[in-house]
Amino acid sequence: MSVPPRPSLTLQQRRVRLMLATFPMIVVTGYVLYKRLVLGEPQKRFSRPSDSATVPGVQRAKMETEKPKEG
């Protein structure tokens, strides 16, 4: 059972498809920028956990490798 080949799209059809695909992204980006620049909403940032908090045993390994201070 063979699938017939798709007919190629005309230039106008490709342009309309591109507009339909990009229009939602442009609207959302514009809305977010409006909220930030006009309304003064702060930019959302993702918090990064510290390296020692993400890898278990890192603090213990750091303590074992540090040399004791001689006074």
PDB file of N, CA and C in Angstrom:
ATOM      1  N   MET A   1       0.850  -1.169   0.000  1.00  0.00           N
ATOM      2  CA  MET A   1       0.000   0.000   0.000  1.00  0.00           C
ATOM      3  C   MET A   1       0.897   1.234   0.000  1.00  0.00           C
ATOM      4  N   SER A   2       0.852   1.960  -1.040  1.00  0.00           N
ATOM      5  CA  SER A   2       1.721   3.118  -1.224  1.00  0.00           C
ATOM      6  C   SER A   2       0.949   4.406  -0.938  1.00  0.00           C
ATOM      7  N   VAL A   3       1.655   5.345  -0.301  1.00  0.00           N
ATOM      8  CA  VAL A   3       1.052   6.640  -0.002  1.00  0.00           C
ATOM      9  C   VAL A   3       1.350   7.579  -1.162  1.00  0.00           C
ATOM     10  N   PRO A   4       0.318   8.219  -1.707  1.00  0.00           N
ATOM     11  CA  PRO A   4       0.575   9.128  -2.831  1.00  0.00           C
ATOM     12  C   PRO A   4       1.372  10.345  -2.359  1.00  0.00           C
ATOM     13  N   PRO A   5       2.244  10.872  -3.208  1.00  0.00           N
ATOM     14  CA  PRO A   5       3.048  12.034  -2.815  1.00  0.00           C
ATOM     15  C   PRO A   5       2.174  13.271  -2.609  1.00  0.00           C
ATOM     16  N   ARG A   6       2.590  14.116  -1.670  1.00  0.00           N
ATOM     17  CA  ARG A   6       1.855  15.356  -1.415  1.00  0.00           C
ATOM     18  C   ARG A   6       2.121  16.356  -2.530  1.00  0.00           C
ATOM     19  N   PRO A   7       1.111  17.092  -2.909  1.00  0.00           N
ATOM     20  CA  PRO A   7       1.369  18.149  -3.888  1.00  0.00           C
ATOM     21  C   PRO A   7       2.138  19.279  -3.208  1.00  0.00           C
ATOM     22  N   SER A   8       3.092  19.867  -3.913  1.00  0.00           N
ATOM     23  CA  SER A   8       3.877  20.939  -3.308  1.00  0.00           C
ATOM     24  C   SER A   8       3.000  22.176  -3.123  1.00  0.00           C
ATOM     25  N   LEU A   9       3.299  22.939  -2.068  1.00  0.00           N
ATOM     26  CA  LEU A   9       2.516  24.125  -1.759  1.00  0.00           C
ATOM     27  C   LEU A   9       2.973  25.299  -2.621  1.00  0.00           C
ATOM     28  N   THR A  10       2.021  26.147  -2.942  1.00  0.00           N
ATOM     29  CA  THR A  10       2.378  27.349  -3.696  1.00  0.00           C
ATOM     30  C   THR A  10       3.058  28.333  -2.748  1.00  0.00           C
ATOM     31  N   LEU A  11       3.648  29.359  -3.296  1.00  0.00           N
ATOM     32  CA  LEU A  11       4.339  30.350  -2.491  1.00  0.00           C
ATOM     33  C   LEU A  11       3.381  31.023  -1.523  1.00  0.00           C
ATOM     34  N   GLN A  12       2.192  31.329  -1.973  1.00  0.00           N
ATOM     35  CA  GLN A  12       1.211  31.976  -1.106  1.00  0.00           C
ATOM     36  C   GLN A  12       0.776  31.045   0.024  1.00  0.00           C
ATOM     37  N   GLN A  13       0.615  29.780  -0.248  1.00  0.00           N
ATOM     38  CA  GLN A  13       0.237  28.822   0.787  1.00  0.00           C
ATOM     39  C   GLN A  13       1.344  28.677   1.829  1.00  0.00           C
ATOM     40  N   ARG A  14       2.604  28.677   1.394  1.00  0.00           N
ATOM     41  CA  ARG A  14       3.712  28.604   2.337  1.00  0.00           C
ATOM     42  C   ARG A  14       3.777  29.845   3.216  1.00  0.00           C
ATOM     43  N   ARG A  15       3.502  31.005   2.653  1.00  0.00           N
ATOM     44  CA  ARG A  15       3.507  32.244   3.438  1.00  0.00           C
ATOM     45  C   ARG A  15       2.411  32.236   4.500  1.00  0.00           C
ATOM     46  N   VAL A  16       1.224  31.771   4.111  1.00  0.00           N
ATOM     47  CA  VAL A  16       0.114  31.711   5.067  1.00  0.00           C
ATOM     48  C   VAL A  16       0.448  30.716   6.179  1.00  0.00           C
ATOM     49  N   ARG A  17       1.017  29.581   5.834  1.00  0.00           N
ATOM     50  CA  ARG A  17       1.393  28.589   6.837  1.00  0.00           C
ATOM     51  C   ARG A  17       2.439  29.159   7.790  1.00  0.00           C
ATOM     52  N   LEU A  18       3.392  29.907   7.274  1.00  0.00           N
ATOM     53  CA  LEU A  18       4.412  30.532   8.116  1.00  0.00           C
ATOM     54  C   LEU A  18       3.790  31.565   9.055  1.00  0.00           C
ATOM     55  N   MET A  19       2.860  32.361   8.544  1.00  0.00           N
ATOM     56  CA  MET A  19       2.199  33.360   9.392  1.00  0.00           C
ATOM     57  C   MET A  19       1.385  32.685  10.491  1.00  0.00           C
ATOM     58  N   LEU A  20       0.676  31.615  10.164  1.00  0.00           N
ATOM     59  CA  LEU A  20      -0.123  30.913  11.169  1.00  0.00           C
ATOM     60  C   LEU A  20       0.754  30.266  12.237  1.00  0.00           C
ATOM     61  N   ALA A  21       1.945  29.861  11.867  1.00  0.00           N
ATOM     62  CA  ALA A  21       2.835  29.224  12.833  1.00  0.00           C
ATOM     63  C   ALA A  21       3.524  30.245  13.728  1.00  0.00           C
ATOM     64  N   THR A  22       3.861  31.425  13.188  1.00  0.00           N
ATOM     65  CA  THR A  22       4.623  32.400  13.966  1.00  0.00           C
ATOM     66  C   THR A  22       3.763  33.418  14.692  1.00  0.00           C
ATOM     67  N   PHE A  23       2.533  33.605  14.288  1.00  0.00           N
ATOM     68  CA  PHE A  23       1.680  34.623  14.898  1.00  0.00           C
ATOM     69  C   PHE A  23       1.487  34.425  16.405  1.00  0.00           C
ATOM     70  N   PRO A  24       1.194  33.218  16.893  1.00  0.00           N
ATOM     71  CA  PRO A  24       1.043  33.048  18.345  1.00  0.00           C
ATOM     72  C   PRO A  24       2.313  33.398  19.121  1.00  0.00           C
ATOM     73  N   MET A  25       3.480  33.053  18.581  1.00  0.00           N
ATOM     74  CA  MET A  25       4.734  33.380  19.265  1.00  0.00           C
ATOM     75  C   MET A  25       4.953  34.883  19.341  1.00  0.00           C
ATOM     76  N   ILE A  26       4.615  35.593  18.285  1.00  0.00           N
ATOM     77  CA  ILE A  26       4.779  37.045  18.262  1.00  0.00           C
ATOM     78  C   ILE A  26       3.834  37.696  19.263  1.00  0.00           C
ATOM     79  N   VAL A  27       2.605  37.222  19.338  1.00  0.00           N
ATOM     80  CA  VAL A  27       1.626  37.792  20.260  1.00  0.00           C
ATOM     81  C   VAL A  27       2.061  37.581  21.705  1.00  0.00           C
ATOM     82  N   VAL A  28       2.494  36.382  22.053  1.00  0.00           N
ATOM     83  CA  VAL A  28       2.904  36.088  23.428  1.00  0.00           C
ATOM     84  C   VAL A  28       4.147  36.875  23.798  1.00  0.00           C
ATOM     85  N   THR A  29       5.110  36.950  22.913  1.00  0.00           N
ATOM     86  CA  THR A  29       6.326  37.720  23.177  1.00  0.00           C
ATOM     87  C   THR A  29       5.996  39.188  23.384  1.00  0.00           C
ATOM     88  N   GLY A  30       5.123  39.736  22.554  1.00  0.00           N
ATOM     89  CA  GLY A  30       4.716  41.133  22.703  1.00  0.00           C
ATOM     90  C   GLY A  30       4.003  41.383  24.017  1.00  0.00           C
ATOM     91  N   TYR A  31       3.160  40.442  24.433  1.00  0.00           N
ATOM     92  CA  TYR A  31       2.431  40.596  25.697  1.00  0.00           C
ATOM     93  C   TYR A  31       3.387  40.568  26.887  1.00  0.00           C
ATOM     94  N   VAL A  32       4.339  39.660  26.857  1.00  0.00           N
ATOM     95  CA  VAL A  32       5.308  39.570  27.956  1.00  0.00           C
ATOM     96  C   VAL A  32       6.151  40.831  28.016  1.00  0.00           C
ATOM     97  N   LEU A  33       6.600  41.328  26.874  1.00  0.00           N
ATOM     98  CA  LEU A  33       7.386  42.563  26.851  1.00  0.00           C
ATOM     99  C   LEU A  33       6.552  43.746  27.317  1.00  0.00           C
ATOM    100  N   TYR A  34       5.291  43.806  26.959  1.00  0.00           N
ATOM    101  CA  TYR A  34       4.406  44.880  27.415  1.00  0.00           C
ATOM    102  C   TYR A  34       4.295  44.869  28.931  1.00  0.00           C
ATOM    103  N   LYS A  35       4.077  43.686  29.496  1.00  0.00           N
ATOM    104  CA  LYS A  35       3.963  43.593  30.954  1.00  0.00           C
ATOM    105  C   LYS A  35       5.261  44.041  31.627  1.00  0.00           C
ATOM    106  N   ARG A  36       6.403  43.677  31.051  1.00  0.00           N
ATOM    107  CA  ARG A  36       7.680  44.039  31.676  1.00  0.00           C
ATOM    108  C   ARG A  36       8.016  45.505  31.502  1.00  0.00           C
ATOM    109  N   LEU A  37       7.855  46.043  30.298  1.00  0.00           N
ATOM    110  CA  LEU A  37       8.320  47.400  30.010  1.00  0.00           C
ATOM    111  C   LEU A  37       7.308  48.469  30.408  1.00  0.00           C
ATOM    112  N   VAL A  38       6.023  48.231  30.182  1.00  0.00           N
ATOM    113  CA  VAL A  38       5.011  49.248  30.452  1.00  0.00           C
ATOM    114  C   VAL A  38       4.469  49.128  31.870  1.00  0.00           C
ATOM    115  N   LEU A  39       4.132  47.916  32.274  1.00  0.00           N
ATOM    116  CA  LEU A  39       3.536  47.725  33.589  1.00  0.00           C
ATOM    117  C   LEU A  39       4.567  47.561  34.700  1.00  0.00           C
ATOM    118  N   GLY A  40       5.817  47.369  34.335  1.00  0.00           N
ATOM    119  CA  GLY A  40       6.885  47.289  35.326  1.00  0.00           C
ATOM    120  C   GLY A  40       6.989  45.965  36.052  1.00  0.00           C
ATOM    121  N   GLU A  41       6.471  44.913  35.486  1.00  0.00           N
ATOM    122  CA  GLU A  41       6.575  43.597  36.127  1.00  0.00           C
ATOM    123  C   GLU A  41       8.015  43.110  36.026  1.00  0.00           C
ATOM    124  N   PRO A  42       8.577  42.566  37.098  1.00  0.00           N
ATOM    125  CA  PRO A  42       9.974  42.123  37.040  1.00  0.00           C
ATOM    126  C   PRO A  42      10.137  40.902  36.150  1.00  0.00           C
ATOM    127  N   GLN A  43      11.331  40.764  35.605  1.00  0.00           N
ATOM    128  CA  GLN A  43      11.632  39.627  34.744  1.00  0.00           C
ATOM    129  C   GLN A  43      11.680  38.362  35.586  1.00  0.00           C
ATOM    130  N   LYS A  44      11.078  37.304  35.075  1.00  0.00           N
ATOM    131  CA  LYS A  44      11.094  36.035  35.801  1.00  0.00           C
ATOM    132  C   LYS A  44      12.462  35.393  35.623  1.00  0.00           C
ATOM    133  N   ARG A  45      13.007  34.910  36.715  1.00  0.00           N
ATOM    134  CA  ARG A  45      14.310  34.243  36.686  1.00  0.00           C
ATOM    135  C   ARG A  45      14.170  32.881  37.343  1.00  0.00           C
ATOM    136  N   PHE A  46      14.897  31.946  36.812  1.00  0.00           N
ATOM    137  CA  PHE A  46      14.933  30.618  37.400  1.00  0.00           C
ATOM    138  C   PHE A  46      16.056  30.590  38.419  1.00  0.00           C
ATOM    139  N   SER A  47      15.771  30.069  39.589  1.00  0.00           N
ATOM    140  CA  SER A  47      16.808  30.000  40.611  1.00  0.00           C
ATOM    141  C   SER A  47      17.673  28.779  40.358  1.00  0.00           C
ATOM    142  N   ARG A  48      18.959  28.962  40.547  1.00  0.00           N
ATOM    143  CA  ARG A  48      19.890  27.856  40.402  1.00  0.00           C
ATOM    144  C   ARG A  48      20.287  27.361  41.788  1.00  0.00           C
ATOM    145  N   PRO A  49      20.108  26.098  42.030  1.00  0.00           N
ATOM    146  CA  PRO A  49      20.583  25.587  43.307  1.00  0.00           C
ATOM    147  C   PRO A  49      22.106  25.558  43.308  1.00  0.00           C
ATOM    148  N   SER A  50      22.699  25.708  44.464  1.00  0.00           N
ATOM    149  CA  SER A  50      24.160  25.707  44.537  1.00  0.00           C
ATOM    150  C   SER A  50      24.686  24.321  44.197  1.00  0.00           C
ATOM    151  N   ASP A  51      25.934  24.249  43.807  1.00  0.00           N
ATOM    152  CA  ASP A  51      26.526  22.969  43.405  1.00  0.00           C
ATOM    153  C   ASP A  51      26.506  21.966  44.548  1.00  0.00           C
ATOM    154  N   SER A  52      26.773  22.432  45.765  1.00  0.00           N
ATOM    155  CA  SER A  52      26.835  21.497  46.887  1.00  0.00           C
ATOM    156  C   SER A  52      25.454  20.952  47.240  1.00  0.00           C
ATOM    157  N   ALA A  53      24.415  21.693  46.907  1.00  0.00           N
ATOM    158  CA  ALA A  53      23.068  21.222  47.229  1.00  0.00           C
ATOM    159  C   ALA A  53      22.578  20.201  46.216  1.00  0.00           C
ATOM    160  N   THR A  54      23.089  20.230  44.999  1.00  0.00           N
ATOM    161  CA  THR A  54      22.581  19.326  43.969  1.00  0.00           C
ATOM    162  C   THR A  54      23.285  17.977  43.967  1.00  0.00           C
ATOM    163  N   VAL A  55      24.539  17.933  44.393  1.00  0.00           N
ATOM    164  CA  VAL A  55      25.285  16.685  44.356  1.00  0.00           C
ATOM    165  C   VAL A  55      25.481  16.198  45.789  1.00  0.00           C
ATOM    166  N   PRO A  56      24.917  15.049  46.135  1.00  0.00           N
ATOM    167  CA  PRO A  56      25.064  14.587  47.508  1.00  0.00           C
ATOM    168  C   PRO A  56      26.514  14.220  47.816  1.00  0.00           C
ATOM    169  N   GLY A  57      26.940  14.587  48.985  1.00  0.00           N
ATOM    170  CA  GLY A  57      28.284  14.241  49.426  1.00  0.00           C
ATOM    171  C   GLY A  57      29.363  15.218  49.019  1.00  0.00           C
ATOM    172  N   VAL A  58      29.015  16.287  48.329  1.00  0.00           N
ATOM    173  CA  VAL A  58      30.031  17.233  47.871  1.00  0.00           C
ATOM    174  C   VAL A  58      30.633  17.981  49.042  1.00  0.00           C
ATOM    175  N   GLN A  59      29.791  18.420  49.987  1.00  0.00           N
ATOM    176  CA  GLN A  59      30.322  19.156  51.125  1.00  0.00           C
ATOM    177  C   GLN A  59      31.239  18.276  51.955  1.00  0.00           C
ATOM    178  N   ARG A  60      30.876  17.023  52.112  1.00  0.00           N
ATOM    179  CA  ARG A  60      31.719  16.115  52.879  1.00  0.00           C
ATOM    180  C   ARG A  60      33.063  15.930  52.183  1.00  0.00           C
ATOM    181  N   ALA A  61      33.042  15.800  50.858  1.00  0.00           N
ATOM    182  CA  ALA A  61      34.286  15.632  50.118  1.00  0.00           C
ATOM    183  C   ALA A  61      35.140  16.889  50.203  1.00  0.00           C
ATOM    184  N   LYS A  62      34.495  18.053  50.187  1.00  0.00           N
ATOM    185  CA  LYS A  62      35.238  19.302  50.297  1.00  0.00           C
ATOM    186  C   LYS A  62      35.901  19.398  51.661  1.00  0.00           C
ATOM    187  N   MET A  63      35.189  18.986  52.711  1.00  0.00           N
ATOM    188  CA  MET A  63      35.754  19.057  54.055  1.00  0.00           C
ATOM    189  C   MET A  63      36.924  18.100  54.208  1.00  0.00           C
ATOM    190  N   GLU A  64      36.841  16.942  53.568  1.00  0.00           N
ATOM    191  CA  GLU A  64      37.923  15.966  53.679  1.00  0.00           C
ATOM    192  C   GLU A  64      39.171  16.423  52.934  1.00  0.00           C
ATOM    193  N   THR A  65      39.009  17.175  51.853  1.00  0.00           N
ATOM    194  CA  THR A  65      40.167  17.604  51.075  1.00  0.00           C
ATOM    195  C   THR A  65      40.787  18.888  51.608  1.00  0.00           C
ATOM    196  N   GLU A  66      40.061  19.652  52.404  1.00  0.00           N
ATOM    197  CA  GLU A  66      40.625  20.881  52.950  1.00  0.00           C
ATOM    198  C   GLU A  66      41.640  20.549  54.038  1.00  0.00           C
ATOM    199  N   LYS A  67      42.723  21.300  54.032  1.00  0.00           N
ATOM    200  CA  LYS A  67      43.766  21.076  55.045  1.00  0.00           C
ATOM    201  C   LYS A  67      43.392  21.843  56.310  1.00  0.00           C
ATOM    202  N   PRO A  68      43.604  21.242  57.447  1.00  0.00           N
ATOM    203  CA  PRO A  68      43.306  21.970  58.679  1.00  0.00           C
ATOM    204  C   PRO A  68      44.273  23.150  58.860  1.00  0.00           C
ATOM    205  N   LYS A  69      43.742  24.221  59.394  1.00  0.00           N
ATOM    206  CA  LYS A  69      44.555  25.418  59.621  1.00  0.00           C
ATOM    207  C   LYS A  69      45.413  25.218  60.876  1.00  0.00           C
ATOM    208  N   GLU A  70      46.662  25.516  60.716  1.00  0.00           N
ATOM    209  CA  GLU A  70      47.557  25.411  61.862  1.00  0.00           C
ATOM    210  C   GLU A  70      47.738  26.798  62.458  1.00  0.00           C
ATOM    211  N   GLY A  71      47.588  26.910  63.737  1.00  0.00           N
ATOM    212  CA  GLY A  71      47.622  28.229  64.347  1.00  0.00           C
ATOM    213  C   GLY A  71      48.660  28.482  65.327  1.00  0.00           C
TER     214      GLY A  71
END
